[in-house]
Amino acid sequence: MIDEIKKVLLNLVPSTPDYVFDHLQGSMTLRNFSAGEYLCWPESACANDDSAQHYHYIKKGLLRCYYQRPDGKEFNTRFVHEGQLFANVLASAEGECAELYVQALEPVTAVQLMSVADLRKQSETDIYFARFIMRCMRSAYIDRENRQYMLQSASAVERYSYIRGAFPQQLLARIPQYHLASYLGLNSITFSRAKKAFLTQQNSQPVASNFAFASI
């Protein structure tokens, strides 16, 4: 299991020394979540819930991250799958309560790693921990900016083109279409029409994408 995580971290921060992995291995805990179960929610950060306060490596399964309006409407912001790292960094910073929900869409097996607070403390004196935080933040920033640009400037068909470029096809097949529609800021009818139009265009000529993609 540590070898899988080591591969991901070395991709983020090449030449990371073994003592970093030893530190991570000492804090690892295997956790399982049922489909529909929440890893964290707004109140969990304030209650110091472990899932809300730690980095996780997703070994198996699929998560969605979303915000909820007072009227109950949900807006998906990210999907996390096998081989990726996840942390509710905003909720853990300074003990603040972020309004983020993280829910398992499938049964999830996750490796709970060090806490965000511990990582931040280590980064104050160790360049490799500091680089890890910087790379994660950079990746999250690029993804957020791409999505914001897409939501503000792209047509419905271009938005569908965006997820075809951002997500592996096997992953798209696992995410319910209404969740994809929410992620793209579309209702289900518009999403269905955009998908149909994209596939029609794709059969005649490729649909260009103007987005760069990053993933941790």
N, C-alpha and C. Protein backbone atom coordinates (compact mmCIF):
# COMPACT_ATOMS: atom_id res chain seq x y z
N MET A 1 0.83 -1.21 0.00
CA MET A 1 0.00 0.00 0.00
C MET A 1 0.86 1.26 0.00
N ILE A 2 1.95 1.25 0.78
CA ILE A 2 2.81 2.42 0.82
C ILE A 2 3.46 2.66 -0.53
N ASP A 3 3.67 1.57 -1.31
CA ASP A 3 4.28 1.73 -2.64
C ASP A 3 3.38 2.53 -3.57
N GLU A 4 2.06 2.30 -3.48
CA GLU A 4 1.12 3.06 -4.31
C GLU A 4 1.20 4.54 -3.96
N ILE A 5 1.19 4.83 -2.67
CA ILE A 5 1.22 6.21 -2.21
C ILE A 5 2.56 6.86 -2.55
N LYS A 6 3.62 6.08 -2.42
CA LYS A 6 4.95 6.59 -2.73
C LYS A 6 5.05 7.02 -4.19
N LYS A 7 4.44 6.24 -5.07
CA LYS A 7 4.46 6.57 -6.50
C LYS A 7 3.76 7.90 -6.77
N VAL A 8 2.61 8.12 -6.12
CA VAL A 8 1.87 9.37 -6.29
C VAL A 8 2.69 10.55 -5.76
N LEU A 9 3.30 10.39 -4.59
CA LEU A 9 4.05 11.49 -3.99
C LEU A 9 5.32 11.80 -4.78
N LEU A 10 5.96 10.77 -5.32
CA LEU A 10 7.16 11.01 -6.12
C LEU A 10 6.82 11.72 -7.43
N ASN A 11 5.61 11.48 -7.92
CA ASN A 11 5.17 12.20 -9.10
C ASN A 11 4.97 13.68 -8.79
N LEU A 12 4.52 13.96 -7.56
CA LEU A 12 4.33 15.34 -7.12
C LEU A 12 5.66 16.01 -6.79
N VAL A 13 6.47 15.32 -5.99
CA VAL A 13 7.74 15.87 -5.53
C VAL A 13 8.85 14.85 -5.77
N PRO A 14 9.47 14.88 -6.96
CA PRO A 14 10.54 13.93 -7.27
C PRO A 14 11.68 14.01 -6.25
N SER A 15 12.33 12.88 -6.04
CA SER A 15 13.49 12.78 -5.14
C SER A 15 13.13 12.95 -3.67
N THR A 16 11.84 12.75 -3.35
CA THR A 16 11.45 12.80 -1.94
C THR A 16 12.19 11.70 -1.17
N PRO A 17 12.88 12.02 -0.09
CA PRO A 17 13.66 11.02 0.66
C PRO A 17 12.77 10.05 1.43
N ASP A 18 13.37 8.93 1.81
CA ASP A 18 12.62 7.86 2.47
C ASP A 18 12.04 8.28 3.82
N TYR A 19 12.67 9.20 4.53
CA TYR A 19 12.16 9.55 5.86
C TYR A 19 10.76 10.19 5.77
N VAL A 20 10.45 10.82 4.64
CA VAL A 20 9.11 11.39 4.45
C VAL A 20 8.08 10.27 4.40
N PHE A 21 8.40 9.21 3.66
CA PHE A 21 7.47 8.08 3.56
C PHE A 21 7.37 7.33 4.88
N ASP A 22 8.47 7.27 5.63
CA ASP A 22 8.43 6.64 6.95
C ASP A 22 7.48 7.41 7.87
N HIS A 23 7.51 8.73 7.77
CA HIS A 23 6.63 9.56 8.59
C HIS A 23 5.17 9.32 8.21
N LEU A 24 4.92 9.24 6.90
CA LEU A 24 3.56 8.99 6.43
C LEU A 24 3.06 7.61 6.86
N GLN A 25 3.94 6.62 6.74
CA GLN A 25 3.53 5.25 7.05
C GLN A 25 3.17 5.12 8.53
N GLY A 26 3.83 5.89 9.37
CA GLY A 26 3.53 5.83 10.80
C GLY A 26 2.17 6.38 11.16
N SER A 27 1.56 7.15 10.25
CA SER A 27 0.25 7.75 10.55
C SER A 27 -0.87 7.15 9.71
N MET A 28 -0.59 6.10 8.94
CA MET A 28 -1.58 5.54 8.03
C MET A 28 -2.64 4.71 8.75
N THR A 29 -3.89 4.92 8.35
CA THR A 29 -5.02 4.15 8.87
C THR A 29 -5.94 3.81 7.71
N LEU A 30 -6.32 2.56 7.57
CA LEU A 30 -7.22 2.16 6.50
C LEU A 30 -8.66 2.41 6.93
N ARG A 31 -9.43 3.10 6.09
CA ARG A 31 -10.81 3.42 6.42
C ARG A 31 -11.72 3.03 5.25
N ASN A 32 -12.92 2.56 5.59
CA ASN A 32 -13.90 2.17 4.59
C ASN A 32 -15.17 3.00 4.76
N PHE A 33 -15.73 3.41 3.64
CA PHE A 33 -16.96 4.21 3.63
C PHE A 33 -17.97 3.57 2.68
N SER A 34 -19.20 3.47 3.12
CA SER A 34 -20.26 2.91 2.28
C SER A 34 -20.71 3.96 1.27
N ALA A 35 -21.32 3.48 0.18
CA ALA A 35 -21.90 4.41 -0.81
C ALA A 35 -22.95 5.27 -0.12
N GLY A 36 -22.86 6.58 -0.33
CA GLY A 36 -23.77 7.51 0.31
C GLY A 36 -23.25 8.08 1.61
N GLU A 37 -22.21 7.47 2.18
CA GLU A 37 -21.66 7.96 3.45
C GLU A 37 -20.80 9.19 3.21
N TYR A 38 -20.74 10.05 4.22
CA TYR A 38 -19.98 11.30 4.11
C TYR A 38 -18.62 11.17 4.79
N LEU A 39 -17.57 11.62 4.08
CA LEU A 39 -16.25 11.70 4.69
C LEU A 39 -16.14 12.96 5.52
N CYS A 40 -16.77 14.02 5.06
CA CYS A 40 -16.82 15.24 5.86
C CYS A 40 -17.97 16.12 5.40
N TRP A 41 -18.37 17.00 6.26
CA TRP A 41 -19.49 17.92 6.02
C TRP A 41 -19.18 19.16 6.85
N PRO A 42 -19.91 20.26 6.67
CA PRO A 42 -19.53 21.52 7.33
C PRO A 42 -19.27 21.40 8.83
N GLU A 43 -20.14 20.71 9.55
CA GLU A 43 -19.97 20.64 11.00
C GLU A 43 -18.82 19.73 11.42
N SER A 44 -18.39 18.83 10.53
CA SER A 44 -17.37 17.86 10.92
C SER A 44 -16.02 18.52 11.15
N ALA A 45 -15.74 19.60 10.43
CA ALA A 45 -14.47 20.29 10.63
C ALA A 45 -14.41 20.92 12.02
N CYS A 46 -15.54 21.48 12.46
CA CYS A 46 -15.58 22.10 13.78
C CYS A 46 -15.50 21.06 14.89
N ALA A 47 -15.98 19.85 14.59
CA ALA A 47 -15.98 18.79 15.59
C ALA A 47 -14.68 18.00 15.60
N ASN A 48 -13.70 18.47 14.79
CA ASN A 48 -12.40 17.80 14.68
C ASN A 48 -12.53 16.35 14.24
N ASP A 49 -13.47 16.09 13.35
CA ASP A 49 -13.63 14.74 12.81
C ASP A 49 -12.40 14.36 12.01
N ASP A 50 -11.93 13.12 12.18
CA ASP A 50 -10.70 12.68 11.52
C ASP A 50 -10.74 12.85 10.00
N SER A 51 -11.86 12.49 9.38
CA SER A 51 -11.95 12.55 7.93
C SER A 51 -11.81 13.98 7.42
N ALA A 52 -12.32 14.92 8.19
CA ALA A 52 -12.27 16.33 7.76
C ALA A 52 -10.90 16.95 7.98
N GLN A 53 -10.08 16.33 8.82
CA GLN A 53 -8.83 16.96 9.22
C GLN A 53 -7.58 16.32 8.61
N HIS A 54 -7.75 15.27 7.81
CA HIS A 54 -6.60 14.52 7.32
C HIS A 54 -6.56 14.44 5.79
N TYR A 55 -5.33 14.22 5.29
CA TYR A 55 -5.17 13.85 3.89
C TYR A 55 -5.56 12.38 3.75
N HIS A 56 -6.11 12.05 2.58
CA HIS A 56 -6.47 10.67 2.28
C HIS A 56 -5.95 10.27 0.90
N TYR A 57 -5.55 9.04 0.80
CA TYR A 57 -5.24 8.44 -0.51
C TYR A 57 -6.39 7.50 -0.83
N ILE A 58 -7.03 7.71 -1.97
CA ILE A 58 -8.17 6.88 -2.35
C ILE A 58 -7.67 5.63 -3.05
N LYS A 59 -7.81 4.51 -2.35
CA LYS A 59 -7.35 3.22 -2.89
C LYS A 59 -8.39 2.60 -3.82
N LYS A 60 -9.67 2.81 -3.47
CA LYS A 60 -10.75 2.24 -4.28
C LYS A 60 -12.01 3.07 -4.08
N GLY A 61 -12.74 3.30 -5.18
CA GLY A 61 -14.02 3.98 -5.06
C GLY A 61 -14.02 5.38 -5.66
N LEU A 62 -15.10 6.09 -5.42
CA LEU A 62 -15.34 7.38 -6.06
C LEU A 62 -16.06 8.32 -5.08
N LEU A 63 -15.58 9.55 -5.01
CA LEU A 63 -16.16 10.57 -4.14
C LEU A 63 -16.63 11.76 -4.97
N ARG A 64 -17.58 12.49 -4.41
CA ARG A 64 -17.93 13.79 -4.99
C ARG A 64 -17.81 14.85 -3.90
N CYS A 65 -17.38 16.04 -4.30
CA CYS A 65 -17.31 17.19 -3.39
C CYS A 65 -18.35 18.19 -3.87
N TYR A 66 -19.11 18.74 -2.94
CA TYR A 66 -20.15 19.68 -3.36
C TYR A 66 -20.48 20.69 -2.26
N TYR A 67 -21.11 21.77 -2.70
CA TYR A 67 -21.66 22.78 -1.79
C TYR A 67 -23.18 22.75 -1.90
N GLN A 68 -23.83 23.19 -0.85
CA GLN A 68 -25.30 23.17 -0.83
C GLN A 68 -25.83 24.55 -0.48
N ARG A 69 -26.78 25.03 -1.30
CA ARG A 69 -27.41 26.31 -1.03
C ARG A 69 -28.44 26.18 0.09
N PRO A 70 -28.84 27.28 0.68
CA PRO A 70 -29.87 27.22 1.74
C PRO A 70 -31.16 26.55 1.29
N ASP A 71 -31.46 26.63 -0.03
CA ASP A 71 -32.70 26.00 -0.53
C ASP A 71 -32.51 24.51 -0.80
N GLY A 72 -31.30 23.98 -0.52
CA GLY A 72 -31.06 22.56 -0.68
C GLY A 72 -30.43 22.16 -2.00
N LYS A 73 -30.32 23.08 -2.95
CA LYS A 73 -29.73 22.75 -4.24
C LYS A 73 -28.23 22.53 -4.10
N GLU A 74 -27.73 21.46 -4.74
CA GLU A 74 -26.33 21.08 -4.61
C GLU A 74 -25.55 21.42 -5.88
N PHE A 75 -24.26 21.77 -5.68
CA PHE A 75 -23.37 22.10 -6.79
C PHE A 75 -22.09 21.31 -6.64
N ASN A 76 -21.90 20.31 -7.50
CA ASN A 76 -20.69 19.50 -7.46
C ASN A 76 -19.49 20.31 -7.94
N THR A 77 -18.37 20.16 -7.23
CA THR A 77 -17.16 20.91 -7.58
C THR A 77 -15.99 20.01 -7.96
N ARG A 78 -16.05 18.74 -7.58
CA ARG A 78 -14.91 17.85 -7.87
C ARG A 78 -15.33 16.40 -7.68
N PHE A 79 -14.67 15.52 -8.43
CA PHE A 79 -14.81 14.08 -8.24
C PHE A 79 -13.42 13.52 -7.98
N VAL A 80 -13.32 12.64 -6.99
CA VAL A 80 -12.03 12.06 -6.59
C VAL A 80 -12.13 10.55 -6.72
N HIS A 81 -11.13 9.95 -7.36
CA HIS A 81 -11.20 8.51 -7.62
C HIS A 81 -9.89 7.82 -7.25
N GLU A 82 -9.80 6.55 -7.56
CA GLU A 82 -8.64 5.73 -7.19
C GLU A 82 -7.33 6.38 -7.65
N GLY A 83 -6.34 6.30 -6.77
CA GLY A 83 -5.02 6.80 -7.12
C GLY A 83 -4.84 8.28 -6.88
N GLN A 84 -5.86 8.95 -6.32
CA GLN A 84 -5.76 10.38 -6.07
C GLN A 84 -5.70 10.67 -4.57
N LEU A 85 -5.15 11.84 -4.26
CA LEU A 85 -5.11 12.33 -2.90
C LEU A 85 -6.25 13.31 -2.68
N PHE A 86 -6.73 13.35 -1.45
CA PHE A 86 -7.80 14.29 -1.13
C PHE A 86 -7.59 14.84 0.27
N ALA A 87 -7.88 16.14 0.43
CA ALA A 87 -7.91 16.76 1.76
C ALA A 87 -8.84 17.95 1.71
N ASN A 88 -9.62 18.12 2.76
CA ASN A 88 -10.47 19.30 2.91
C ASN A 88 -9.62 20.37 3.58
N VAL A 89 -8.69 20.93 2.80
CA VAL A 89 -7.69 21.83 3.35
C VAL A 89 -8.32 23.07 3.95
N LEU A 90 -9.31 23.65 3.26
CA LEU A 90 -9.93 24.88 3.75
C LEU A 90 -10.58 24.66 5.11
N ALA A 91 -11.24 23.52 5.26
CA ALA A 91 -11.91 23.23 6.54
C ALA A 91 -10.91 23.05 7.67
N SER A 92 -9.72 22.58 7.32
CA SER A 92 -8.73 22.30 8.35
C SER A 92 -7.88 23.51 8.69
N ALA A 93 -7.85 24.50 7.83
CA ALA A 93 -7.02 25.67 8.06
C ALA A 93 -7.59 26.51 9.21
N GLU A 94 -6.75 26.72 10.21
CA GLU A 94 -7.13 27.56 11.35
C GLU A 94 -8.40 27.10 12.05
N GLY A 95 -8.79 25.83 11.85
CA GLY A 95 -9.97 25.30 12.52
C GLY A 95 -11.28 25.87 12.03
N GLU A 96 -11.27 26.45 10.83
CA GLU A 96 -12.49 27.05 10.30
C GLU A 96 -13.45 25.99 9.76
N CYS A 97 -14.72 26.33 9.66
CA CYS A 97 -15.73 25.42 9.16
C CYS A 97 -16.08 25.77 7.72
N ALA A 98 -15.53 25.06 6.77
CA ALA A 98 -15.87 25.26 5.37
C ALA A 98 -17.21 24.60 5.10
N GLU A 99 -17.89 25.06 4.07
CA GLU A 99 -19.22 24.54 3.76
C GLU A 99 -19.17 23.37 2.79
N LEU A 100 -18.08 22.66 2.74
CA LEU A 100 -17.90 21.58 1.78
C LEU A 100 -18.44 20.25 2.31
N TYR A 101 -19.14 19.54 1.42
CA TYR A 101 -19.58 18.17 1.68
C TYR A 101 -18.76 17.23 0.80
N VAL A 102 -18.35 16.10 1.36
CA VAL A 102 -17.64 15.07 0.58
C VAL A 102 -18.35 13.75 0.82
N GLN A 103 -18.90 13.17 -0.25
CA GLN A 103 -19.74 11.98 -0.15
C GLN A 103 -19.22 10.87 -1.06
N ALA A 104 -19.28 9.65 -0.56
CA ALA A 104 -18.90 8.49 -1.37
C ALA A 104 -20.02 8.15 -2.35
N LEU A 105 -19.70 8.12 -3.63
CA LEU A 105 -20.68 7.71 -4.64
C LEU A 105 -20.68 6.19 -4.81
N GLU A 106 -19.59 5.57 -4.40
CA GLU A 106 -19.42 4.12 -4.42
C GLU A 106 -18.80 3.72 -3.08
N PRO A 107 -18.79 2.44 -2.75
CA PRO A 107 -18.01 2.03 -1.58
C PRO A 107 -16.55 2.47 -1.75
N VAL A 108 -16.01 3.10 -0.74
CA VAL A 108 -14.67 3.70 -0.83
C VAL A 108 -13.75 3.08 0.21
N THR A 109 -12.56 2.71 -0.24
CA THR A 109 -11.48 2.32 0.66
C THR A 109 -10.42 3.41 0.57
N ALA A 110 -10.14 4.05 1.68
CA ALA A 110 -9.19 5.16 1.71
C ALA A 110 -8.13 4.93 2.77
N VAL A 111 -6.94 5.41 2.47
CA VAL A 111 -5.86 5.37 3.45
C VAL A 111 -5.75 6.75 4.07
N GLN A 112 -6.07 6.84 5.35
CA GLN A 112 -5.97 8.12 6.05
C GLN A 112 -4.50 8.38 6.36
N LEU A 113 -4.01 9.53 5.90
CA LEU A 113 -2.61 9.89 6.10
C LEU A 113 -2.49 10.92 7.22
N MET A 114 -1.43 11.67 7.20
CA MET A 114 -1.20 12.64 8.26
C MET A 114 -2.23 13.76 8.21
N SER A 115 -2.42 14.42 9.32
CA SER A 115 -3.37 15.51 9.39
C SER A 115 -2.82 16.73 8.65
N VAL A 116 -3.74 17.59 8.22
CA VAL A 116 -3.33 18.82 7.55
C VAL A 116 -2.50 19.68 8.50
N ALA A 117 -2.88 19.70 9.78
CA ALA A 117 -2.13 20.48 10.77
C ALA A 117 -0.71 19.97 10.93
N ASP A 118 -0.54 18.63 10.97
CA ASP A 118 0.79 18.03 11.09
C ASP A 118 1.63 18.35 9.86
N LEU A 119 1.02 18.23 8.68
CA LEU A 119 1.73 18.52 7.44
C LEU A 119 2.18 19.99 7.41
N ARG A 120 1.29 20.87 7.84
CA ARG A 120 1.65 22.29 7.86
C ARG A 120 2.81 22.53 8.83
N LYS A 121 2.79 21.86 9.97
CA LYS A 121 3.86 22.02 10.94
C LYS A 121 5.19 21.51 10.38
N GLN A 122 5.15 20.33 9.74
CA GLN A 122 6.36 19.75 9.15
C GLN A 122 6.92 20.64 8.04
N SER A 123 6.04 21.30 7.31
CA SER A 123 6.47 22.13 6.18
C SER A 123 7.23 23.37 6.62
N GLU A 124 7.08 23.74 7.88
CA GLU A 124 7.76 24.94 8.38
C GLU A 124 9.27 24.73 8.48
N THR A 125 9.69 23.46 8.58
CA THR A 125 11.12 23.17 8.74
C THR A 125 11.67 22.18 7.73
N ASP A 126 10.80 21.64 6.86
CA ASP A 126 11.25 20.63 5.90
C ASP A 126 10.81 21.01 4.49
N ILE A 127 11.76 21.12 3.58
CA ILE A 127 11.49 21.57 2.23
C ILE A 127 10.61 20.60 1.46
N TYR A 128 10.70 19.29 1.73
CA TYR A 128 9.93 18.31 0.97
C TYR A 128 8.44 18.36 1.35
N PHE A 129 8.16 18.52 2.61
CA PHE A 129 6.76 18.69 3.02
C PHE A 129 6.20 20.01 2.47
N ALA A 130 7.04 21.04 2.47
CA ALA A 130 6.61 22.34 1.93
C ALA A 130 6.33 22.23 0.44
N ARG A 131 7.17 21.52 -0.30
CA ARG A 131 6.96 21.34 -1.73
C ARG A 131 5.69 20.55 -2.01
N PHE A 132 5.41 19.57 -1.16
CA PHE A 132 4.19 18.79 -1.33
C PHE A 132 2.96 19.68 -1.23
N ILE A 133 2.93 20.54 -0.22
CA ILE A 133 1.80 21.46 -0.06
C ILE A 133 1.69 22.38 -1.27
N MET A 134 2.82 22.92 -1.72
CA MET A 134 2.82 23.84 -2.85
C MET A 134 2.29 23.18 -4.12
N ARG A 135 2.71 21.92 -4.36
CA ARG A 135 2.26 21.22 -5.56
C ARG A 135 0.77 20.91 -5.49
N CYS A 136 0.28 20.51 -4.33
CA CYS A 136 -1.15 20.25 -4.16
C CYS A 136 -1.96 21.52 -4.38
N MET A 137 -1.49 22.62 -3.80
CA MET A 137 -2.19 23.89 -3.96
C MET A 137 -2.17 24.35 -5.41
N ARG A 138 -1.04 24.17 -6.08
CA ARG A 138 -0.93 24.56 -7.48
C ARG A 138 -1.91 23.77 -8.33
N SER A 139 -1.98 22.46 -8.11
CA SER A 139 -2.89 21.62 -8.86
C SER A 139 -4.34 22.01 -8.61
N ALA A 140 -4.69 22.24 -7.34
CA ALA A 140 -6.05 22.64 -7.01
C ALA A 140 -6.40 23.98 -7.63
N TYR A 141 -5.43 24.91 -7.65
CA TYR A 141 -5.67 26.23 -8.23
C TYR A 141 -5.92 26.14 -9.73
N ILE A 142 -5.11 25.34 -10.44
CA ILE A 142 -5.29 25.18 -11.88
C ILE A 142 -6.64 24.58 -12.20
N ASP A 143 -7.02 23.54 -11.45
CA ASP A 143 -8.32 22.89 -11.67
C ASP A 143 -9.47 23.87 -11.42
N ARG A 144 -9.34 24.64 -10.35
CA ARG A 144 -10.41 25.59 -10.02
C ARG A 144 -10.53 26.68 -11.07
N GLU A 145 -9.38 27.21 -11.52
CA GLU A 145 -9.41 28.27 -12.52
C GLU A 145 -9.97 27.77 -13.85
N ASN A 146 -9.58 26.56 -14.24
CA ASN A 146 -10.12 25.98 -15.48
C ASN A 146 -11.63 25.84 -15.40
N ARG A 147 -12.09 25.34 -14.25
CA ARG A 147 -13.54 25.14 -14.11
C ARG A 147 -14.28 26.47 -14.08
N GLN A 148 -13.73 27.47 -13.39
CA GLN A 148 -14.36 28.78 -13.34
C GLN A 148 -14.42 29.41 -14.72
N TYR A 149 -13.34 29.30 -15.47
CA TYR A 149 -13.33 29.84 -16.83
C TYR A 149 -14.37 29.13 -17.69
N MET A 150 -14.43 27.81 -17.54
CA MET A 150 -15.40 27.03 -18.29
C MET A 150 -16.83 27.45 -17.96
N LEU A 151 -17.15 27.61 -16.68
CA LEU A 151 -18.50 27.96 -16.26
C LEU A 151 -18.90 29.36 -16.74
N GLN A 152 -17.94 30.26 -16.82
CA GLN A 152 -18.26 31.64 -17.15
C GLN A 152 -18.21 31.94 -18.64
N SER A 153 -17.52 31.12 -19.42
CA SER A 153 -17.32 31.49 -20.82
C SER A 153 -17.72 30.43 -21.84
N ALA A 154 -17.88 29.19 -21.42
CA ALA A 154 -18.10 28.11 -22.38
C ALA A 154 -19.58 27.84 -22.62
N SER A 155 -19.89 27.44 -23.84
CA SER A 155 -21.25 27.01 -24.16
C SER A 155 -21.49 25.64 -23.53
N ALA A 156 -22.73 25.17 -23.58
CA ALA A 156 -23.07 23.87 -23.01
C ALA A 156 -22.27 22.75 -23.69
N VAL A 157 -22.13 22.83 -25.02
CA VAL A 157 -21.37 21.80 -25.74
C VAL A 157 -19.90 21.86 -25.36
N GLU A 158 -19.35 23.06 -25.21
CA GLU A 158 -17.95 23.21 -24.81
C GLU A 158 -17.74 22.70 -23.38
N ARG A 159 -18.74 22.88 -22.54
CA ARG A 159 -18.62 22.36 -21.17
C ARG A 159 -18.57 20.83 -21.18
N TYR A 160 -19.40 20.22 -22.01
CA TYR A 160 -19.36 18.76 -22.10
C TYR A 160 -18.02 18.30 -22.67
N SER A 161 -17.49 19.06 -23.64
CA SER A 161 -16.17 18.77 -24.19
C SER A 161 -15.11 18.83 -23.11
N TYR A 162 -15.30 19.76 -22.18
CA TYR A 162 -14.36 19.93 -21.06
C TYR A 162 -14.23 18.65 -20.24
N ILE A 163 -15.35 18.07 -19.84
CA ILE A 163 -15.26 16.86 -19.01
C ILE A 163 -14.75 15.67 -19.81
N ARG A 164 -14.99 15.65 -21.12
CA ARG A 164 -14.45 14.56 -21.93
C ARG A 164 -12.92 14.62 -21.98
N GLY A 165 -12.38 15.84 -21.87
CA GLY A 165 -10.93 15.98 -21.85
C GLY A 165 -10.34 15.83 -20.46
N ALA A 166 -11.13 16.21 -19.45
CA ALA A 166 -10.61 16.21 -18.07
C ALA A 166 -10.69 14.85 -17.40
N PHE A 167 -11.73 14.06 -17.74
CA PHE A 167 -11.97 12.79 -17.04
C PHE A 167 -11.77 11.60 -17.98
N PRO A 168 -11.16 10.51 -17.49
CA PRO A 168 -11.11 9.27 -18.28
C PRO A 168 -12.52 8.77 -18.58
N GLN A 169 -12.70 8.15 -19.73
CA GLN A 169 -14.03 7.69 -20.13
C GLN A 169 -14.60 6.67 -19.15
N GLN A 170 -13.72 5.82 -18.59
CA GLN A 170 -14.20 4.84 -17.62
C GLN A 170 -14.76 5.52 -16.38
N LEU A 171 -14.18 6.67 -16.02
CA LEU A 171 -14.68 7.42 -14.86
C LEU A 171 -16.01 8.08 -15.16
N LEU A 172 -16.15 8.66 -16.35
CA LEU A 172 -17.41 9.30 -16.73
C LEU A 172 -18.57 8.31 -16.67
N ALA A 173 -18.29 7.06 -17.04
CA ALA A 173 -19.35 6.04 -17.03
C ALA A 173 -19.81 5.70 -15.62
N ARG A 174 -19.00 6.00 -14.62
CA ARG A 174 -19.34 5.67 -13.23
C ARG A 174 -20.08 6.80 -12.52
N ILE A 175 -20.05 8.00 -13.08
CA ILE A 175 -20.67 9.15 -12.43
C ILE A 175 -22.07 9.37 -13.01
N PRO A 176 -23.11 9.37 -12.18
CA PRO A 176 -24.46 9.64 -12.67
C PRO A 176 -24.51 10.95 -13.45
N GLN A 177 -25.30 10.96 -14.52
CA GLN A 177 -25.31 12.12 -15.41
C GLN A 177 -25.80 13.38 -14.70
N TYR A 178 -26.72 13.24 -13.73
CA TYR A 178 -27.19 14.44 -13.04
C TYR A 178 -26.10 15.05 -12.18
N HIS A 179 -25.13 14.23 -11.71
CA HIS A 179 -24.00 14.78 -10.98
C HIS A 179 -23.04 15.49 -11.93
N LEU A 180 -22.85 14.93 -13.13
CA LEU A 180 -22.01 15.60 -14.14
C LEU A 180 -22.64 16.93 -14.55
N ALA A 181 -23.97 16.92 -14.72
CA ALA A 181 -24.67 18.14 -15.10
C ALA A 181 -24.47 19.22 -14.04
N SER A 182 -24.57 18.84 -12.77
CA SER A 182 -24.36 19.79 -11.67
C SER A 182 -22.95 20.34 -11.70
N TYR A 183 -21.97 19.49 -11.95
CA TYR A 183 -20.57 19.91 -12.02
C TYR A 183 -20.36 20.95 -13.12
N LEU A 184 -21.09 20.79 -14.22
CA LEU A 184 -20.95 21.70 -15.36
C LEU A 184 -21.87 22.91 -15.28
N GLY A 185 -22.67 23.00 -14.22
CA GLY A 185 -23.58 24.12 -14.09
C GLY A 185 -24.74 24.07 -15.06
N LEU A 186 -25.18 22.86 -15.42
CA LEU A 186 -26.27 22.68 -16.37
C LEU A 186 -27.40 21.90 -15.72
N ASN A 187 -28.62 22.10 -16.21
CA ASN A 187 -29.69 21.21 -15.77
C ASN A 187 -29.64 19.94 -16.61
N SER A 188 -30.41 18.94 -16.22
CA SER A 188 -30.32 17.62 -16.86
C SER A 188 -30.70 17.66 -18.34
N ILE A 189 -31.70 18.48 -18.69
CA ILE A 189 -32.14 18.55 -20.08
C ILE A 189 -31.06 19.19 -20.95
N THR A 190 -30.49 20.30 -20.49
CA THR A 190 -29.44 20.97 -21.25
C THR A 190 -28.21 20.08 -21.37
N PHE A 191 -27.89 19.35 -20.29
CA PHE A 191 -26.76 18.43 -20.34
C PHE A 191 -26.97 17.36 -21.39
N SER A 192 -28.17 16.77 -21.43
CA SER A 192 -28.46 15.73 -22.39
C SER A 192 -28.35 16.25 -23.83
N ARG A 193 -28.85 17.46 -24.06
CA ARG A 193 -28.76 18.05 -25.39
C ARG A 193 -27.31 18.36 -25.77
N ALA A 194 -26.54 18.84 -24.80
CA ALA A 194 -25.14 19.16 -25.06
C ALA A 194 -24.35 17.89 -25.39
N LYS A 195 -24.63 16.83 -24.66
CA LYS A 195 -23.95 15.56 -24.92
C LYS A 195 -24.27 15.05 -26.33
N LYS A 196 -25.55 15.11 -26.70
CA LYS A 196 -25.97 14.66 -28.02
C LYS A 196 -25.31 15.49 -29.11
N ALA A 197 -25.28 16.83 -28.92
CA ALA A 197 -24.67 17.72 -29.91
C ALA A 197 -23.17 17.46 -30.02
N PHE A 198 -22.52 17.23 -28.88
CA PHE A 198 -21.08 16.95 -28.88
C PHE A 198 -20.77 15.68 -29.67
N LEU A 199 -21.52 14.62 -29.41
CA LEU A 199 -21.28 13.35 -30.08
C LEU A 199 -21.54 13.47 -31.59
N THR A 200 -22.55 14.28 -31.96
CA THR A 200 -22.82 14.50 -33.38
C THR A 200 -21.66 15.23 -34.04
N GLN A 201 -21.16 16.28 -33.37
CA GLN A 201 -20.02 17.02 -33.90
C GLN A 201 -18.76 16.15 -33.94
N GLN A 202 -18.61 15.33 -32.90
CA GLN A 202 -17.43 14.48 -32.81
C GLN A 202 -17.37 13.51 -33.97
N ASN A 203 -18.52 13.07 -34.44
CA ASN A 203 -18.55 12.14 -35.57
C ASN A 203 -18.17 12.80 -36.88
N SER A 204 -18.35 14.15 -36.93
CA SER A 204 -18.01 14.86 -38.16
C SER A 204 -16.64 15.51 -38.09
N GLN A 205 -16.33 16.14 -36.93
CA GLN A 205 -15.02 16.75 -36.72
C GLN A 205 -14.79 16.92 -35.22
N PRO A 206 -13.53 16.84 -34.77
CA PRO A 206 -13.24 16.96 -33.34
C PRO A 206 -13.65 18.32 -32.79
N VAL A 207 -14.11 18.30 -31.53
CA VAL A 207 -14.46 19.54 -30.85
C VAL A 207 -13.25 19.99 -30.06
N ALA A 208 -12.74 21.19 -30.38
CA ALA A 208 -11.53 21.68 -29.74
C ALA A 208 -11.78 22.04 -28.29
N SER A 209 -10.76 21.85 -27.45
CA SER A 209 -10.84 22.24 -26.05
C SER A 209 -9.73 23.24 -25.75
N ASN A 210 -10.06 24.32 -25.03
CA ASN A 210 -9.10 25.37 -24.72
C ASN A 210 -8.62 25.31 -23.28
N PHE A 211 -8.82 24.17 -22.62
CA PHE A 211 -8.49 24.07 -21.21
C PHE A 211 -7.27 23.20 -21.00
N ALA A 212 -6.47 23.58 -20.00
CA ALA A 212 -5.36 22.74 -19.55
C ALA A 212 -5.84 22.02 -18.29
N PHE A 213 -5.34 20.83 -18.07
CA PHE A 213 -5.83 20.04 -16.95
C PHE A 213 -4.69 19.70 -16.00
N ALA A 214 -5.03 19.68 -14.73
CA ALA A 214 -4.07 19.29 -13.69
C ALA A 214 -4.76 18.40 -12.71
N SER A 215 -4.04 17.47 -12.13
CA SER A 215 -4.64 16.58 -11.14
C SER A 215 -3.59 16.15 -10.16
N ILE A 216 -3.97 16.08 -8.88
CA ILE A 216 -3.05 15.54 -7.89
C ILE A 216 -3.35 14.06 -7.71
